[in-house]
Amino acid sequence: MSFEGLKAIGEKLTGLGRPRRVVPRPRKAHLLRFADDGATPNNPFFPLLLYRSPVKLEKDCDPAALFEVLFAAHGWKSSWRDAIYDFNHFHTGTHEVLGIAKGRARVRLGGATGRVVELRAGDVIVLPAGTGHQRLSKSRDLLVVGAYPAQGAYDEPAPGEVDPEKARARIAKLRVPAADPVYGAAGPLKKFWRKPH
């Protein structure tokens, strides 16, 4: 187990460095939409949500714990601490949220023909199932917290590792999560993630 994994377990057991509650700052949801490029399915219904520094990273709290507590409060659990993979991949069975706890990273979103975005400590991206993501570069101190809504099953195929039609069908079946991982049941996710009737 990694140092960060052990640290997270210690914090949960002792409560040290772990806030009881996190109140996010109001931030605009930047919407990024990506078309299916034939290799990376992306999501036909939901845009990626980018929040710039919705969490104030306090010096007396572990920044990763801030994201874990915030995401879990809104039903996005099964969190992990690590980085973002350096190869293009996506998830067909679940949506994902990524909070940048430390450092910075340049990430390509939406597959090979997608968009490159610079993420910094405090930023959050909410990836709808199918959305390609790949780390292009990072600072030495990069630490990311990821989490998933209660529904769904984790997978991480790269383009070419899954049948495209099966991937698209699996992505289309996923429901909208019960809450935005940052702003809860009334958050922007509920407004912008709607399937056509």
N, C-alpha and C. Protein backbone atom coordinates (compact mmCIF):
# COMPACT_ATOMS: atom_id res chain seq x y z
N MET A 1 0.85 -1.18 0.00
CA MET A 1 0.00 0.00 0.00
C MET A 1 0.89 1.24 0.00
N SER A 2 0.46 2.27 -0.72
CA SER A 2 1.22 3.51 -0.83
C SER A 2 1.18 4.30 0.47
N PHE A 3 2.11 5.25 0.58
CA PHE A 3 2.14 6.14 1.75
C PHE A 3 0.81 6.88 1.88
N GLU A 4 0.29 7.39 0.75
CA GLU A 4 -0.98 8.13 0.79
C GLU A 4 -2.13 7.25 1.24
N GLY A 5 -2.12 5.98 0.82
CA GLY A 5 -3.16 5.06 1.26
C GLY A 5 -3.11 4.82 2.75
N LEU A 6 -1.90 4.63 3.29
CA LEU A 6 -1.74 4.44 4.73
C LEU A 6 -2.14 5.70 5.49
N LYS A 7 -1.78 6.84 4.94
CA LYS A 7 -2.12 8.12 5.57
C LYS A 7 -3.64 8.28 5.65
N ALA A 8 -4.33 7.93 4.57
CA ALA A 8 -5.79 8.05 4.54
C ALA A 8 -6.43 7.15 5.59
N ILE A 9 -5.92 5.93 5.72
CA ILE A 9 -6.46 5.01 6.74
C ILE A 9 -6.23 5.58 8.13
N GLY A 10 -5.02 6.09 8.38
CA GLY A 10 -4.71 6.69 9.68
C GLY A 10 -5.61 7.87 10.00
N GLU A 11 -5.87 8.71 9.02
CA GLU A 11 -6.74 9.86 9.22
C GLU A 11 -8.16 9.42 9.56
N LYS A 12 -8.65 8.41 8.84
CA LYS A 12 -10.01 7.94 9.10
C LYS A 12 -10.13 7.36 10.50
N LEU A 13 -9.09 6.66 10.96
CA LEU A 13 -9.12 6.04 12.29
C LEU A 13 -8.99 7.07 13.42
N THR A 14 -8.13 8.07 13.20
CA THR A 14 -7.84 9.03 14.27
C THR A 14 -8.59 10.35 14.14
N GLY A 15 -8.97 10.70 12.91
CA GLY A 15 -9.61 12.00 12.67
C GLY A 15 -8.61 13.13 12.51
N LEU A 16 -7.31 12.86 12.72
CA LEU A 16 -6.28 13.90 12.60
C LEU A 16 -6.15 14.37 11.16
N GLY A 17 -6.12 15.69 10.96
CA GLY A 17 -5.96 16.27 9.63
C GLY A 17 -7.16 16.10 8.72
N ARG A 18 -8.25 15.60 9.28
CA ARG A 18 -9.44 15.30 8.48
C ARG A 18 -10.60 16.18 8.94
N PRO A 19 -11.12 17.03 8.05
CA PRO A 19 -12.25 17.88 8.45
C PRO A 19 -13.52 17.05 8.62
N ARG A 20 -14.42 17.54 9.44
CA ARG A 20 -15.72 16.86 9.59
C ARG A 20 -16.63 17.19 8.42
N ARG A 21 -16.48 18.41 7.92
CA ARG A 21 -17.36 18.89 6.86
C ARG A 21 -16.58 19.88 6.00
N VAL A 22 -16.88 19.91 4.71
CA VAL A 22 -16.24 20.85 3.79
C VAL A 22 -17.34 21.62 3.07
N VAL A 23 -17.25 22.94 3.13
CA VAL A 23 -18.22 23.79 2.43
C VAL A 23 -17.51 24.39 1.22
N PRO A 24 -17.95 24.00 0.01
CA PRO A 24 -17.29 24.53 -1.19
C PRO A 24 -17.66 25.98 -1.45
N ARG A 25 -16.74 26.67 -2.11
CA ARG A 25 -16.99 28.04 -2.54
C ARG A 25 -17.81 28.02 -3.82
N PRO A 26 -18.66 29.01 -4.03
CA PRO A 26 -19.43 29.05 -5.28
C PRO A 26 -18.50 29.23 -6.48
N ARG A 27 -18.63 28.38 -7.45
CA ARG A 27 -17.83 28.45 -8.67
C ARG A 27 -18.70 28.09 -9.86
N LYS A 28 -18.38 28.70 -10.98
CA LYS A 28 -19.08 28.39 -12.23
C LYS A 28 -18.63 27.02 -12.72
N ALA A 29 -19.57 26.26 -13.26
CA ALA A 29 -19.24 24.99 -13.90
C ALA A 29 -18.87 25.28 -15.35
N HIS A 30 -17.62 25.01 -15.71
CA HIS A 30 -17.20 25.13 -17.10
C HIS A 30 -17.55 23.81 -17.78
N LEU A 31 -18.28 23.86 -18.88
CA LEU A 31 -18.75 22.66 -19.56
C LEU A 31 -17.88 22.36 -20.77
N LEU A 32 -17.41 21.13 -20.84
CA LEU A 32 -16.61 20.70 -21.98
C LEU A 32 -17.32 19.49 -22.60
N ARG A 33 -17.62 19.58 -23.89
CA ARG A 33 -18.30 18.48 -24.59
C ARG A 33 -17.35 17.91 -25.63
N PHE A 34 -17.38 16.59 -25.74
CA PHE A 34 -16.50 15.90 -26.68
C PHE A 34 -17.30 14.89 -27.48
N ALA A 35 -17.09 14.88 -28.79
CA ALA A 35 -17.77 13.93 -29.66
C ALA A 35 -17.03 12.59 -29.65
N ASP A 36 -17.74 11.56 -29.96
CA ASP A 36 -17.17 10.22 -30.15
C ASP A 36 -16.21 10.33 -31.33
N ASP A 37 -14.93 9.98 -31.13
CA ASP A 37 -13.97 10.10 -32.23
C ASP A 37 -13.68 8.75 -32.90
N GLY A 38 -14.49 7.73 -32.56
CA GLY A 38 -14.29 6.41 -33.14
C GLY A 38 -13.41 5.52 -32.28
N ALA A 39 -12.55 6.12 -31.48
CA ALA A 39 -11.67 5.35 -30.58
C ALA A 39 -12.04 5.59 -29.12
N THR A 40 -12.31 6.85 -28.79
CA THR A 40 -12.76 7.23 -27.45
C THR A 40 -14.23 7.61 -27.55
N PRO A 41 -15.12 6.89 -26.84
CA PRO A 41 -16.55 7.15 -27.02
C PRO A 41 -17.01 8.50 -26.50
N ASN A 42 -16.37 9.00 -25.44
CA ASN A 42 -16.83 10.19 -24.74
C ASN A 42 -18.27 9.97 -24.31
N ASN A 43 -19.02 11.00 -24.02
CA ASN A 43 -20.38 10.80 -23.54
C ASN A 43 -21.36 11.54 -24.44
N PRO A 44 -22.36 10.84 -24.97
CA PRO A 44 -23.28 11.49 -25.91
C PRO A 44 -24.29 12.43 -25.24
N PHE A 45 -24.42 12.35 -23.91
CA PHE A 45 -25.44 13.12 -23.21
C PHE A 45 -24.89 14.20 -22.28
N PHE A 46 -23.82 13.86 -21.55
CA PHE A 46 -23.38 14.72 -20.45
C PHE A 46 -22.05 15.39 -20.74
N PRO A 47 -21.92 16.69 -20.44
CA PRO A 47 -20.64 17.37 -20.59
C PRO A 47 -19.74 17.10 -19.37
N LEU A 48 -18.45 17.21 -19.58
CA LEU A 48 -17.50 17.21 -18.47
C LEU A 48 -17.69 18.52 -17.72
N LEU A 49 -17.65 18.49 -16.40
CA LEU A 49 -17.76 19.70 -15.58
C LEU A 49 -16.39 20.02 -15.00
N LEU A 50 -15.94 21.24 -15.16
CA LEU A 50 -14.68 21.71 -14.59
C LEU A 50 -14.98 22.83 -13.61
N TYR A 51 -14.57 22.64 -12.36
CA TYR A 51 -14.71 23.68 -11.34
C TYR A 51 -13.31 24.17 -10.97
N ARG A 52 -13.08 25.46 -11.10
CA ARG A 52 -11.78 26.03 -10.73
C ARG A 52 -11.79 26.38 -9.23
N SER A 53 -10.97 25.70 -8.48
CA SER A 53 -10.74 25.89 -7.03
C SER A 53 -12.00 26.08 -6.19
N PRO A 54 -12.93 25.12 -6.24
CA PRO A 54 -14.11 25.24 -5.38
C PRO A 54 -13.82 24.94 -3.91
N VAL A 55 -12.64 24.38 -3.65
CA VAL A 55 -12.25 24.02 -2.29
C VAL A 55 -11.05 24.85 -1.88
N LYS A 56 -11.17 25.52 -0.74
CA LYS A 56 -10.04 26.26 -0.20
C LYS A 56 -9.15 25.25 0.53
N LEU A 57 -7.93 25.11 0.08
CA LEU A 57 -7.01 24.13 0.65
C LEU A 57 -6.38 24.72 1.91
N GLU A 58 -6.90 24.30 3.05
CA GLU A 58 -6.45 24.81 4.35
C GLU A 58 -5.11 24.19 4.73
N LYS A 59 -4.24 24.96 5.37
CA LYS A 59 -2.92 24.46 5.76
C LYS A 59 -2.98 23.45 6.90
N ASP A 60 -4.02 23.54 7.75
CA ASP A 60 -4.07 22.65 8.91
C ASP A 60 -4.80 21.33 8.61
N CYS A 61 -5.25 21.13 7.36
CA CYS A 61 -5.92 19.88 6.97
C CYS A 61 -5.17 19.26 5.80
N ASP A 62 -5.20 17.96 5.74
CA ASP A 62 -4.66 17.25 4.59
C ASP A 62 -5.54 17.59 3.38
N PRO A 63 -4.98 18.14 2.31
CA PRO A 63 -5.82 18.55 1.17
C PRO A 63 -6.55 17.38 0.53
N ALA A 64 -5.95 16.20 0.54
CA ALA A 64 -6.64 15.03 -0.01
C ALA A 64 -7.86 14.69 0.83
N ALA A 65 -7.74 14.82 2.15
CA ALA A 65 -8.87 14.53 3.04
C ALA A 65 -10.03 15.49 2.78
N LEU A 66 -9.73 16.74 2.45
CA LEU A 66 -10.79 17.71 2.15
C LEU A 66 -11.66 17.20 0.99
N PHE A 67 -11.00 16.72 -0.07
CA PHE A 67 -11.75 16.20 -1.21
C PHE A 67 -12.49 14.92 -0.86
N GLU A 68 -11.85 14.03 -0.11
CA GLU A 68 -12.52 12.78 0.27
C GLU A 68 -13.80 13.04 1.06
N VAL A 69 -13.71 13.96 2.03
CA VAL A 69 -14.88 14.28 2.85
C VAL A 69 -15.96 14.94 2.01
N LEU A 70 -15.58 15.88 1.16
CA LEU A 70 -16.55 16.57 0.31
C LEU A 70 -17.26 15.60 -0.63
N PHE A 71 -16.50 14.79 -1.35
CA PHE A 71 -17.09 13.86 -2.31
C PHE A 71 -17.99 12.84 -1.60
N ALA A 72 -17.52 12.29 -0.50
CA ALA A 72 -18.30 11.27 0.23
C ALA A 72 -19.61 11.84 0.77
N ALA A 73 -19.59 13.11 1.17
CA ALA A 73 -20.81 13.74 1.70
C ALA A 73 -21.93 13.77 0.65
N HIS A 74 -21.54 13.69 -0.63
CA HIS A 74 -22.53 13.74 -1.70
C HIS A 74 -22.69 12.39 -2.40
N GLY A 75 -22.23 11.33 -1.74
CA GLY A 75 -22.45 9.98 -2.26
C GLY A 75 -21.41 9.49 -3.25
N TRP A 76 -20.32 10.23 -3.43
CA TRP A 76 -19.23 9.80 -4.33
C TRP A 76 -18.14 9.22 -3.44
N LYS A 77 -18.13 7.90 -3.35
CA LYS A 77 -17.24 7.22 -2.40
C LYS A 77 -16.22 6.36 -3.13
N SER A 78 -15.73 5.33 -2.46
CA SER A 78 -14.68 4.47 -3.03
C SER A 78 -13.54 5.34 -3.56
N SER A 79 -13.10 6.28 -2.74
CA SER A 79 -12.07 7.22 -3.19
C SER A 79 -10.68 6.60 -3.17
N TRP A 80 -9.80 7.20 -3.94
CA TRP A 80 -8.40 6.80 -3.99
C TRP A 80 -7.53 8.04 -4.05
N ARG A 81 -6.24 7.87 -3.75
CA ARG A 81 -5.24 8.93 -3.85
C ARG A 81 -4.12 8.45 -4.75
N ASP A 82 -3.80 9.21 -5.77
CA ASP A 82 -2.72 8.82 -6.68
C ASP A 82 -2.50 9.96 -7.66
N ALA A 83 -2.34 9.63 -8.94
CA ALA A 83 -2.21 10.62 -10.01
C ALA A 83 -3.21 10.23 -11.09
N ILE A 84 -3.08 10.81 -12.25
CA ILE A 84 -3.91 10.46 -13.40
C ILE A 84 -3.02 9.66 -14.34
N TYR A 85 -3.53 8.58 -14.88
CA TYR A 85 -2.74 7.74 -15.78
C TYR A 85 -2.19 8.55 -16.95
N ASP A 86 -1.01 8.13 -17.42
CA ASP A 86 -0.37 8.85 -18.54
C ASP A 86 -0.74 8.25 -19.90
N PHE A 87 -1.82 7.47 -19.95
CA PHE A 87 -2.33 6.96 -21.22
C PHE A 87 -3.82 7.29 -21.31
N ASN A 88 -4.30 7.46 -22.53
CA ASN A 88 -5.72 7.78 -22.71
C ASN A 88 -6.56 6.58 -22.30
N HIS A 89 -7.52 6.83 -21.43
CA HIS A 89 -8.45 5.79 -21.00
C HIS A 89 -9.78 6.43 -20.65
N PHE A 90 -10.76 5.60 -20.40
CA PHE A 90 -12.10 6.09 -20.06
C PHE A 90 -12.78 5.01 -19.23
N HIS A 91 -13.96 5.29 -18.75
CA HIS A 91 -14.72 4.33 -17.95
C HIS A 91 -16.07 4.12 -18.62
N THR A 92 -16.47 2.87 -18.78
CA THR A 92 -17.76 2.60 -19.43
C THR A 92 -18.84 2.27 -18.41
N GLY A 93 -18.44 1.93 -17.16
CA GLY A 93 -19.41 1.50 -16.17
C GLY A 93 -19.65 2.47 -15.03
N THR A 94 -18.97 3.62 -15.05
CA THR A 94 -19.15 4.58 -13.96
C THR A 94 -18.69 5.97 -14.38
N HIS A 95 -19.21 6.96 -13.71
CA HIS A 95 -18.71 8.33 -13.83
C HIS A 95 -17.58 8.47 -12.82
N GLU A 96 -16.79 9.55 -12.92
CA GLU A 96 -15.65 9.73 -12.01
C GLU A 96 -15.46 11.21 -11.71
N VAL A 97 -15.06 11.51 -10.47
CA VAL A 97 -14.66 12.87 -10.11
C VAL A 97 -13.19 12.83 -9.73
N LEU A 98 -12.45 13.87 -10.13
CA LEU A 98 -11.03 14.01 -9.79
C LEU A 98 -10.82 15.37 -9.15
N GLY A 99 -10.25 15.37 -7.93
CA GLY A 99 -9.90 16.60 -7.24
C GLY A 99 -8.39 16.71 -7.16
N ILE A 100 -7.84 17.85 -7.53
CA ILE A 100 -6.39 18.03 -7.49
C ILE A 100 -6.02 18.54 -6.10
N ALA A 101 -5.46 17.66 -5.28
CA ALA A 101 -5.13 18.00 -3.89
C ALA A 101 -3.81 18.76 -3.79
N LYS A 102 -2.84 18.39 -4.63
CA LYS A 102 -1.53 19.06 -4.63
C LYS A 102 -1.00 19.12 -6.05
N GLY A 103 -0.20 20.14 -6.32
CA GLY A 103 0.51 20.23 -7.58
C GLY A 103 -0.35 20.65 -8.75
N ARG A 104 0.11 20.24 -9.94
CA ARG A 104 -0.58 20.61 -11.17
C ARG A 104 -0.34 19.52 -12.21
N ALA A 105 -1.19 19.51 -13.24
CA ALA A 105 -1.04 18.54 -14.32
C ALA A 105 -1.64 19.11 -15.59
N ARG A 106 -1.01 18.79 -16.72
CA ARG A 106 -1.60 19.05 -18.03
C ARG A 106 -2.27 17.75 -18.44
N VAL A 107 -3.56 17.84 -18.78
CA VAL A 107 -4.35 16.65 -19.06
C VAL A 107 -5.05 16.83 -20.40
N ARG A 108 -5.01 15.76 -21.22
CA ARG A 108 -5.80 15.78 -22.45
C ARG A 108 -7.13 15.13 -22.14
N LEU A 109 -8.20 15.85 -22.40
CA LEU A 109 -9.55 15.38 -22.13
C LEU A 109 -10.27 15.16 -23.46
N GLY A 110 -11.04 14.08 -23.55
CA GLY A 110 -11.83 13.84 -24.75
C GLY A 110 -11.16 12.98 -25.80
N GLY A 111 -10.02 12.37 -25.48
CA GLY A 111 -9.35 11.49 -26.44
C GLY A 111 -8.30 12.21 -27.26
N ALA A 112 -7.79 11.52 -28.28
CA ALA A 112 -6.67 12.02 -29.08
C ALA A 112 -6.93 13.37 -29.73
N THR A 113 -8.17 13.65 -30.07
CA THR A 113 -8.49 14.93 -30.72
C THR A 113 -9.19 15.88 -29.75
N GLY A 114 -9.06 15.59 -28.45
CA GLY A 114 -9.73 16.39 -27.43
C GLY A 114 -9.02 17.70 -27.12
N ARG A 115 -9.16 18.13 -25.89
CA ARG A 115 -8.64 19.43 -25.46
C ARG A 115 -7.65 19.26 -24.32
N VAL A 116 -6.57 20.02 -24.34
CA VAL A 116 -5.58 19.99 -23.27
C VAL A 116 -5.93 21.07 -22.26
N VAL A 117 -5.98 20.67 -20.98
CA VAL A 117 -6.35 21.57 -19.90
C VAL A 117 -5.30 21.50 -18.81
N GLU A 118 -4.96 22.63 -18.24
CA GLU A 118 -4.05 22.69 -17.09
C GLU A 118 -4.90 22.65 -15.83
N LEU A 119 -4.65 21.67 -14.98
CA LEU A 119 -5.34 21.56 -13.70
C LEU A 119 -4.37 21.90 -12.58
N ARG A 120 -4.86 22.66 -11.59
CA ARG A 120 -4.02 23.10 -10.47
C ARG A 120 -4.65 22.68 -9.15
N ALA A 121 -3.86 22.72 -8.10
CA ALA A 121 -4.35 22.35 -6.77
C ALA A 121 -5.64 23.11 -6.47
N GLY A 122 -6.66 22.36 -6.04
CA GLY A 122 -7.96 22.93 -5.73
C GLY A 122 -9.00 22.71 -6.80
N ASP A 123 -8.57 22.41 -8.04
CA ASP A 123 -9.51 22.21 -9.14
C ASP A 123 -10.19 20.85 -9.05
N VAL A 124 -11.37 20.76 -9.65
CA VAL A 124 -12.14 19.51 -9.70
C VAL A 124 -12.69 19.33 -11.11
N ILE A 125 -12.59 18.10 -11.63
CA ILE A 125 -13.28 17.77 -12.88
C ILE A 125 -14.19 16.57 -12.62
N VAL A 126 -15.39 16.66 -13.19
CA VAL A 126 -16.36 15.57 -13.09
C VAL A 126 -16.49 14.98 -14.49
N LEU A 127 -16.02 13.74 -14.63
CA LEU A 127 -15.96 13.06 -15.91
C LEU A 127 -17.16 12.15 -16.10
N PRO A 128 -18.03 12.44 -17.06
CA PRO A 128 -19.09 11.48 -17.34
C PRO A 128 -18.49 10.23 -17.97
N ALA A 129 -19.11 9.08 -17.75
CA ALA A 129 -18.62 7.82 -18.31
C ALA A 129 -18.33 7.99 -19.80
N GLY A 130 -17.23 7.38 -20.24
CA GLY A 130 -16.83 7.43 -21.64
C GLY A 130 -15.84 8.51 -21.98
N THR A 131 -15.68 9.50 -21.10
CA THR A 131 -14.82 10.64 -21.40
C THR A 131 -13.35 10.26 -21.27
N GLY A 132 -12.62 10.40 -22.36
CA GLY A 132 -11.19 10.10 -22.36
C GLY A 132 -10.42 11.09 -21.50
N HIS A 133 -9.43 10.58 -20.77
CA HIS A 133 -8.55 11.45 -19.99
C HIS A 133 -7.16 10.83 -19.91
N GLN A 134 -6.16 11.71 -20.00
CA GLN A 134 -4.76 11.29 -20.05
C GLN A 134 -3.87 12.40 -19.51
N ARG A 135 -3.00 12.06 -18.59
CA ARG A 135 -2.02 13.02 -18.09
C ARG A 135 -0.89 13.16 -19.09
N LEU A 136 -0.58 14.40 -19.48
CA LEU A 136 0.52 14.66 -20.40
C LEU A 136 1.79 15.06 -19.65
N SER A 137 1.63 15.82 -18.57
CA SER A 137 2.77 16.20 -17.74
C SER A 137 2.24 16.53 -16.35
N LYS A 138 3.18 16.60 -15.38
CA LYS A 138 2.76 16.86 -14.00
C LYS A 138 3.89 17.48 -13.22
N SER A 139 3.53 18.12 -12.13
CA SER A 139 4.53 18.59 -11.18
C SER A 139 4.93 17.39 -10.31
N ARG A 140 6.07 17.48 -9.66
CA ARG A 140 6.57 16.36 -8.85
C ARG A 140 5.66 16.06 -7.67
N ASP A 141 4.93 17.07 -7.19
CA ASP A 141 4.09 16.88 -6.01
C ASP A 141 2.63 16.57 -6.32
N LEU A 142 2.31 16.23 -7.57
CA LEU A 142 0.92 15.99 -7.94
C LEU A 142 0.28 14.92 -7.06
N LEU A 143 -0.89 15.25 -6.52
CA LEU A 143 -1.69 14.29 -5.78
C LEU A 143 -3.16 14.52 -6.16
N VAL A 144 -3.80 13.46 -6.61
CA VAL A 144 -5.19 13.52 -7.08
C VAL A 144 -6.04 12.62 -6.21
N VAL A 145 -7.26 13.07 -5.92
CA VAL A 145 -8.25 12.23 -5.25
C VAL A 145 -9.34 11.94 -6.26
N GLY A 146 -9.62 10.66 -6.46
CA GLY A 146 -10.70 10.25 -7.35
C GLY A 146 -11.79 9.57 -6.55
N ALA A 147 -13.02 9.61 -7.07
CA ALA A 147 -14.14 8.93 -6.41
C ALA A 147 -15.23 8.68 -7.44
N TYR A 148 -16.20 7.84 -7.05
CA TYR A 148 -17.25 7.39 -7.96
C TYR A 148 -18.60 7.44 -7.27
N PRO A 149 -19.67 7.66 -8.04
CA PRO A 149 -21.01 7.60 -7.43
C PRO A 149 -21.34 6.16 -7.06
N ALA A 150 -22.38 5.98 -6.27
CA ALA A 150 -22.72 4.65 -5.75
C ALA A 150 -23.03 3.65 -6.85
N GLN A 151 -23.66 4.07 -7.91
CA GLN A 151 -24.01 3.14 -8.99
C GLN A 151 -22.81 2.90 -9.90
N GLY A 152 -22.84 1.82 -10.63
CA GLY A 152 -21.84 1.58 -11.64
C GLY A 152 -20.77 0.58 -11.23
N ALA A 153 -19.96 0.21 -12.19
CA ALA A 153 -18.87 -0.74 -11.97
C ALA A 153 -17.62 -0.18 -12.64
N TYR A 154 -16.50 -0.22 -11.94
CA TYR A 154 -15.26 0.37 -12.42
C TYR A 154 -14.61 -0.46 -13.52
N ASP A 155 -14.16 0.20 -14.55
CA ASP A 155 -13.29 -0.36 -15.56
C ASP A 155 -12.44 0.79 -16.08
N GLU A 156 -11.40 0.51 -16.83
CA GLU A 156 -10.54 1.58 -17.34
C GLU A 156 -9.93 1.22 -18.69
N PRO A 157 -10.74 0.91 -19.69
CA PRO A 157 -10.16 0.54 -20.97
C PRO A 157 -9.52 1.73 -21.68
N ALA A 158 -8.51 1.41 -22.47
CA ALA A 158 -7.93 2.36 -23.40
C ALA A 158 -8.61 2.12 -24.75
N PRO A 159 -8.55 3.07 -25.68
CA PRO A 159 -9.11 2.82 -26.99
C PRO A 159 -8.55 1.52 -27.58
N GLY A 160 -9.41 0.72 -28.18
CA GLY A 160 -8.98 -0.54 -28.78
C GLY A 160 -9.06 -1.73 -27.85
N GLU A 161 -9.28 -1.49 -26.55
CA GLU A 161 -9.35 -2.59 -25.58
C GLU A 161 -10.78 -3.04 -25.28
N VAL A 162 -11.74 -2.39 -25.88
CA VAL A 162 -13.14 -2.74 -25.65
C VAL A 162 -13.91 -2.56 -26.95
N ASP A 163 -14.91 -3.39 -27.17
CA ASP A 163 -15.74 -3.27 -28.36
C ASP A 163 -16.47 -1.93 -28.32
N PRO A 164 -16.30 -1.08 -29.33
CA PRO A 164 -16.90 0.26 -29.29
C PRO A 164 -18.42 0.25 -29.11
N GLU A 165 -19.12 -0.65 -29.79
CA GLU A 165 -20.57 -0.68 -29.67
C GLU A 165 -21.01 -1.09 -28.27
N LYS A 166 -20.33 -2.06 -27.69
CA LYS A 166 -20.66 -2.48 -26.32
C LYS A 166 -20.35 -1.36 -25.33
N ALA A 167 -19.24 -0.66 -25.55
CA ALA A 167 -18.89 0.47 -24.68
C ALA A 167 -19.96 1.55 -24.74
N ARG A 168 -20.38 1.90 -25.95
CA ARG A 168 -21.41 2.95 -26.11
C ARG A 168 -22.72 2.54 -25.45
N ALA A 169 -23.09 1.27 -25.60
CA ALA A 169 -24.34 0.79 -25.00
C ALA A 169 -24.26 0.83 -23.48
N ARG A 170 -23.12 0.46 -22.92
CA ARG A 170 -22.96 0.46 -21.46
C ARG A 170 -22.99 1.89 -20.92
N ILE A 171 -22.33 2.80 -21.61
CA ILE A 171 -22.30 4.21 -21.19
C ILE A 171 -23.72 4.80 -21.22
N ALA A 172 -24.47 4.49 -22.27
CA ALA A 172 -25.82 5.05 -22.43
C ALA A 172 -26.78 4.58 -21.34
N LYS A 173 -26.52 3.43 -20.73
CA LYS A 173 -27.41 2.89 -19.69
C LYS A 173 -27.20 3.55 -18.32
N LEU A 174 -26.07 4.20 -18.13
CA LEU A 174 -25.80 4.78 -16.81
C LEU A 174 -26.74 5.94 -16.49
N ARG A 175 -27.20 5.95 -15.26
CA ARG A 175 -28.10 7.01 -14.80
C ARG A 175 -27.30 8.23 -14.34
N VAL A 176 -28.03 9.32 -14.20
CA VAL A 176 -27.46 10.53 -13.61
C VAL A 176 -27.27 10.27 -12.12
N PRO A 177 -26.09 10.59 -11.56
CA PRO A 177 -25.89 10.39 -10.12
C PRO A 177 -26.89 11.22 -9.30
N ALA A 178 -27.10 10.80 -8.07
CA ALA A 178 -28.06 11.48 -7.18
C ALA A 178 -27.63 12.89 -6.84
N ALA A 179 -26.32 13.17 -6.88
CA ALA A 179 -25.83 14.49 -6.48
C ALA A 179 -24.53 14.83 -7.20
N ASP A 180 -24.30 16.11 -7.34
CA ASP A 180 -23.03 16.65 -7.81
C ASP A 180 -22.00 16.36 -6.71
N PRO A 181 -20.78 15.89 -7.04
CA PRO A 181 -19.82 15.54 -5.99
C PRO A 181 -19.29 16.73 -5.20
N VAL A 182 -19.44 17.93 -5.73
CA VAL A 182 -18.96 19.14 -5.04
C VAL A 182 -20.11 19.89 -4.39
N TYR A 183 -21.22 20.09 -5.11
CA TYR A 183 -22.30 20.96 -4.65
C TYR A 183 -23.58 20.24 -4.24
N GLY A 184 -23.59 18.92 -4.27
CA GLY A 184 -24.73 18.18 -3.77
C GLY A 184 -25.90 18.08 -4.73
N ALA A 185 -27.07 17.76 -4.16
CA ALA A 185 -28.27 17.46 -4.95
C ALA A 185 -28.75 18.64 -5.79
N ALA A 186 -28.45 19.86 -5.38
CA ALA A 186 -28.89 21.04 -6.14
C ALA A 186 -27.77 21.60 -7.01
N GLY A 187 -26.67 20.87 -7.15
CA GLY A 187 -25.51 21.37 -7.88
C GLY A 187 -25.67 21.36 -9.39
N PRO A 188 -24.70 21.95 -10.09
CA PRO A 188 -24.76 22.06 -11.55
C PRO A 188 -24.90 20.74 -12.29
N LEU A 189 -24.36 19.66 -11.74
CA LEU A 189 -24.47 18.37 -12.42
C LEU A 189 -25.93 18.03 -12.71
N LYS A 190 -26.80 18.27 -11.76
CA LYS A 190 -28.21 17.95 -11.93
C LYS A 190 -28.87 18.82 -13.01
N LYS A 191 -28.32 19.99 -13.22
CA LYS A 191 -28.85 20.88 -14.25
C LYS A 191 -28.35 20.50 -15.64
N PHE A 192 -27.06 20.17 -15.74
CA PHE A 192 -26.44 19.96 -17.05
C PHE A 192 -26.39 18.50 -17.51
N TRP A 193 -26.56 17.57 -16.59
CA TRP A 193 -26.55 16.16 -16.98
C TRP A 193 -27.99 15.67 -17.11
N ARG A 194 -28.55 15.85 -18.27
CA ARG A 194 -29.93 15.40 -18.54
C ARG A 194 -29.94 14.62 -19.85
N LYS A 195 -30.61 13.48 -19.80
CA LYS A 195 -30.78 12.71 -21.02
C LYS A 195 -32.02 13.18 -21.74
N PRO A 196 -31.98 13.19 -23.08
CA PRO A 196 -33.19 13.58 -23.83
C PRO A 196 -34.29 12.55 -23.60
N HIS A 197 -35.51 13.01 -23.56
CA HIS A 197 -36.65 12.10 -23.32
C HIS A 197 -37.04 11.36 -24.58
